Amino acid sequence: MANKYLTLEDRKKISEMYESEARVVDIAYRIGCHPSTIYDELRRGDTGTLDKNQRHGYDPVKGQKAAMEAIRARGNRCKKV
């Protein structure tokens, strides 16, 4: 499992598998990342509603947007002189 950022395509695969009631461990194996990454991503893209399986809803676009905002927020942290 290499360190990598999830792409929008990865997030769409996560969404499809999550909606088809796949286990988080199985999703992580298919994507090629750690299960905690999937749990973090499901939290990041949480819609605040329940899906047809009575689990928290997941939106891959919302997850992508939140991830990009977090990366952008890192930026250069210059100290004021």
C-alpha atoms as a PDB file:
ATOM      1  CA  MET A   1       0.000   0.000   0.000  1.00  0.00           C
ATOM      2  CA  ALA A   2       1.789   3.076  -1.265  1.00  0.00           C
ATOM      3  CA  ASN A   3       1.175   6.576   0.014  1.00  0.00           C
ATOM      4  CA  LYS A   4      -1.019   8.408  -2.472  1.00  0.00           C
ATOM      5  CA  TYR A   5      -3.848  10.870  -2.719  1.00  0.00           C
ATOM      6  CA  LEU A   6      -7.277   9.627  -3.677  1.00  0.00           C
ATOM      7  CA  THR A   7      -8.486  10.874  -7.043  1.00  0.00           C
ATOM      8  CA  LEU A   8     -12.042  11.709  -7.987  1.00  0.00           C
ATOM      9  CA  GLU A   9     -12.175   8.378  -9.852  1.00  0.00           C
ATOM     10  CA  ASP A  10     -11.124   6.567  -6.660  1.00  0.00           C
ATOM     11  CA  ARG A  11     -13.820   8.409  -4.756  1.00  0.00           C
ATOM     12  CA  LYS A  12     -16.431   7.416  -7.344  1.00  0.00           C
ATOM     13  CA  LYS A  13     -15.369   3.762  -6.981  1.00  0.00           C
ATOM     14  CA  ILE A  14     -15.654   4.109  -3.201  1.00  0.00           C
ATOM     15  CA  SER A  15     -19.151   5.538  -3.623  1.00  0.00           C
ATOM     16  CA  GLU A  16     -20.277   2.730  -5.934  1.00  0.00           C
ATOM     17  CA  MET A  17     -18.902   0.000  -3.709  1.00  0.00           C
ATOM     18  CA  TYR A  18     -20.232   1.626  -0.533  1.00  0.00           C
ATOM     19  CA  GLU A  19     -23.722   1.853  -2.032  1.00  0.00           C
ATOM     20  CA  SER A  20     -23.571  -1.818  -3.012  1.00  0.00           C
ATOM     21  CA  GLU A  21     -22.962  -2.698   0.665  1.00  0.00           C
ATOM     22  CA  ALA A  22     -19.286  -3.623   0.278  1.00  0.00           C
ATOM     23  CA  ARG A  23     -17.263  -3.788   3.480  1.00  0.00           C
ATOM     24  CA  VAL A  24     -14.733  -1.032   4.127  1.00  0.00           C
ATOM     25  CA  VAL A  25     -11.913  -3.591   4.174  1.00  0.00           C
ATOM     26  CA  ASP A  26     -12.919  -4.821   0.709  1.00  0.00           C
ATOM     27  CA  ILE A  27     -13.147  -1.259  -0.620  1.00  0.00           C
ATOM     28  CA  ALA A  28      -9.682  -0.473   0.739  1.00  0.00           C
ATOM     29  CA  TYR A  29      -8.224  -3.580  -0.873  1.00  0.00           C
ATOM     30  CA  ARG A  30      -9.737  -2.706  -4.277  1.00  0.00           C
ATOM     31  CA  ILE A  31      -8.586   0.935  -4.102  1.00  0.00           C
ATOM     32  CA  GLY A  32      -5.149  -0.011  -2.766  1.00  0.00           C
ATOM     33  CA  CYS A  33      -5.127   1.881   0.511  1.00  0.00           C
ATOM     34  CA  HIS A  34      -5.547   1.325   4.244  1.00  0.00           C
ATOM     35  CA  PRO A  35      -9.065   0.853   5.664  1.00  0.00           C
ATOM     36  CA  SER A  36      -8.598   3.943   7.854  1.00  0.00           C
ATOM     37  CA  THR A  37      -8.221   5.971   4.645  1.00  0.00           C
ATOM     38  CA  ILE A  38     -11.661   4.788   3.549  1.00  0.00           C
ATOM     39  CA  TYR A  39     -13.183   5.610   6.939  1.00  0.00           C
ATOM     40  CA  ASP A  40     -11.626   9.096   6.761  1.00  0.00           C
ATOM     41  CA  GLU A  41     -12.942   9.561   3.228  1.00  0.00           C
ATOM     42  CA  LEU A  42     -16.449   8.458   4.174  1.00  0.00           C
ATOM     43  CA  ARG A  43     -16.389  11.025   6.974  1.00  0.00           C
ATOM     44  CA  ARG A  44     -15.040  13.716   4.625  1.00  0.00           C
ATOM     45  CA  GLY A  45     -17.785  13.153   2.046  1.00  0.00           C
ATOM     46  CA  ASP A  46     -20.641  12.645   4.521  1.00  0.00           C
ATOM     47  CA  THR A  47     -23.877  14.163   3.209  1.00  0.00           C
ATOM     48  CA  GLY A  48     -25.615  14.240   6.576  1.00  0.00           C
ATOM     49  CA  THR A  49     -28.369  11.911   5.391  1.00  0.00           C
ATOM     50  CA  LEU A  50     -28.873   8.167   5.388  1.00  0.00           C
ATOM     51  CA  ASP A  51     -28.684   6.137   2.179  1.00  0.00           C
ATOM     52  CA  LYS A  52     -30.919   3.246   1.129  1.00  0.00           C
ATOM     53  CA  ASN A  53     -28.900   0.901   3.369  1.00  0.00           C
ATOM     54  CA  GLN A  54     -29.454   3.151   6.435  1.00  0.00           C
ATOM     55  CA  ARG A  55     -25.771   4.115   6.506  1.00  0.00           C
ATOM     56  CA  HIS A  56     -24.410   7.635   6.318  1.00  0.00           C
ATOM     57  CA  GLY A  57     -24.628   8.965   2.774  1.00  0.00           C
ATOM     58  CA  TYR A  58     -21.420   9.631   0.832  1.00  0.00           C
ATOM     59  CA  ASP A  59     -20.869  12.122  -1.985  1.00  0.00           C
ATOM     60  CA  PRO A  60     -17.567  11.718  -3.894  1.00  0.00           C
ATOM     61  CA  VAL A  61     -17.645  15.300  -5.206  1.00  0.00           C
ATOM     62  CA  LYS A  62     -18.048  16.667  -1.678  1.00  0.00           C
ATOM     63  CA  GLY A  63     -15.148  14.475  -0.534  1.00  0.00           C
ATOM     64  CA  GLN A  64     -12.954  15.704  -3.393  1.00  0.00           C
ATOM     65  CA  LYS A  65     -13.797  19.327  -2.646  1.00  0.00           C
ATOM     66  CA  ALA A  66     -13.020  18.921   1.070  1.00  0.00           C
ATOM     67  CA  ALA A  67      -9.702  17.210   0.291  1.00  0.00           C
ATOM     68  CA  MET A  68      -8.640  19.934  -2.149  1.00  0.00           C
ATOM     69  CA  GLU A  69      -9.552  22.658   0.359  1.00  0.00           C
ATOM     70  CA  ALA A  70      -7.457  20.919   3.022  1.00  0.00           C
ATOM     71  CA  ILE A  71      -4.480  20.686   0.656  1.00  0.00           C
ATOM     72  CA  ARG A  72      -4.869  24.334  -0.337  1.00  0.00           C
ATOM     73  CA  ALA A  73      -5.093  25.395   3.312  1.00  0.00           C
ATOM     74  CA  ARG A  74      -1.673  23.907   4.031  1.00  0.00           C
ATOM     75  CA  GLY A  75       0.144  26.482   1.902  1.00  0.00           C
ATOM     76  CA  ASN A  76       3.260  28.296   3.012  1.00  0.00           C
ATOM     77  CA  ARG A  77       3.194  29.257   6.633  1.00  0.00           C
ATOM     78  CA  CYS A  78       5.497  32.246   6.709  1.00  0.00           C
ATOM     79  CA  LYS A  79       6.296  33.747  10.071  1.00  0.00           C
ATOM     80  CA  LYS A  80       5.687  37.455  10.413  1.00  0.00           C
ATOM     81  CA  VAL A  81       8.832  39.387  11.231  1.00  0.00           C
END
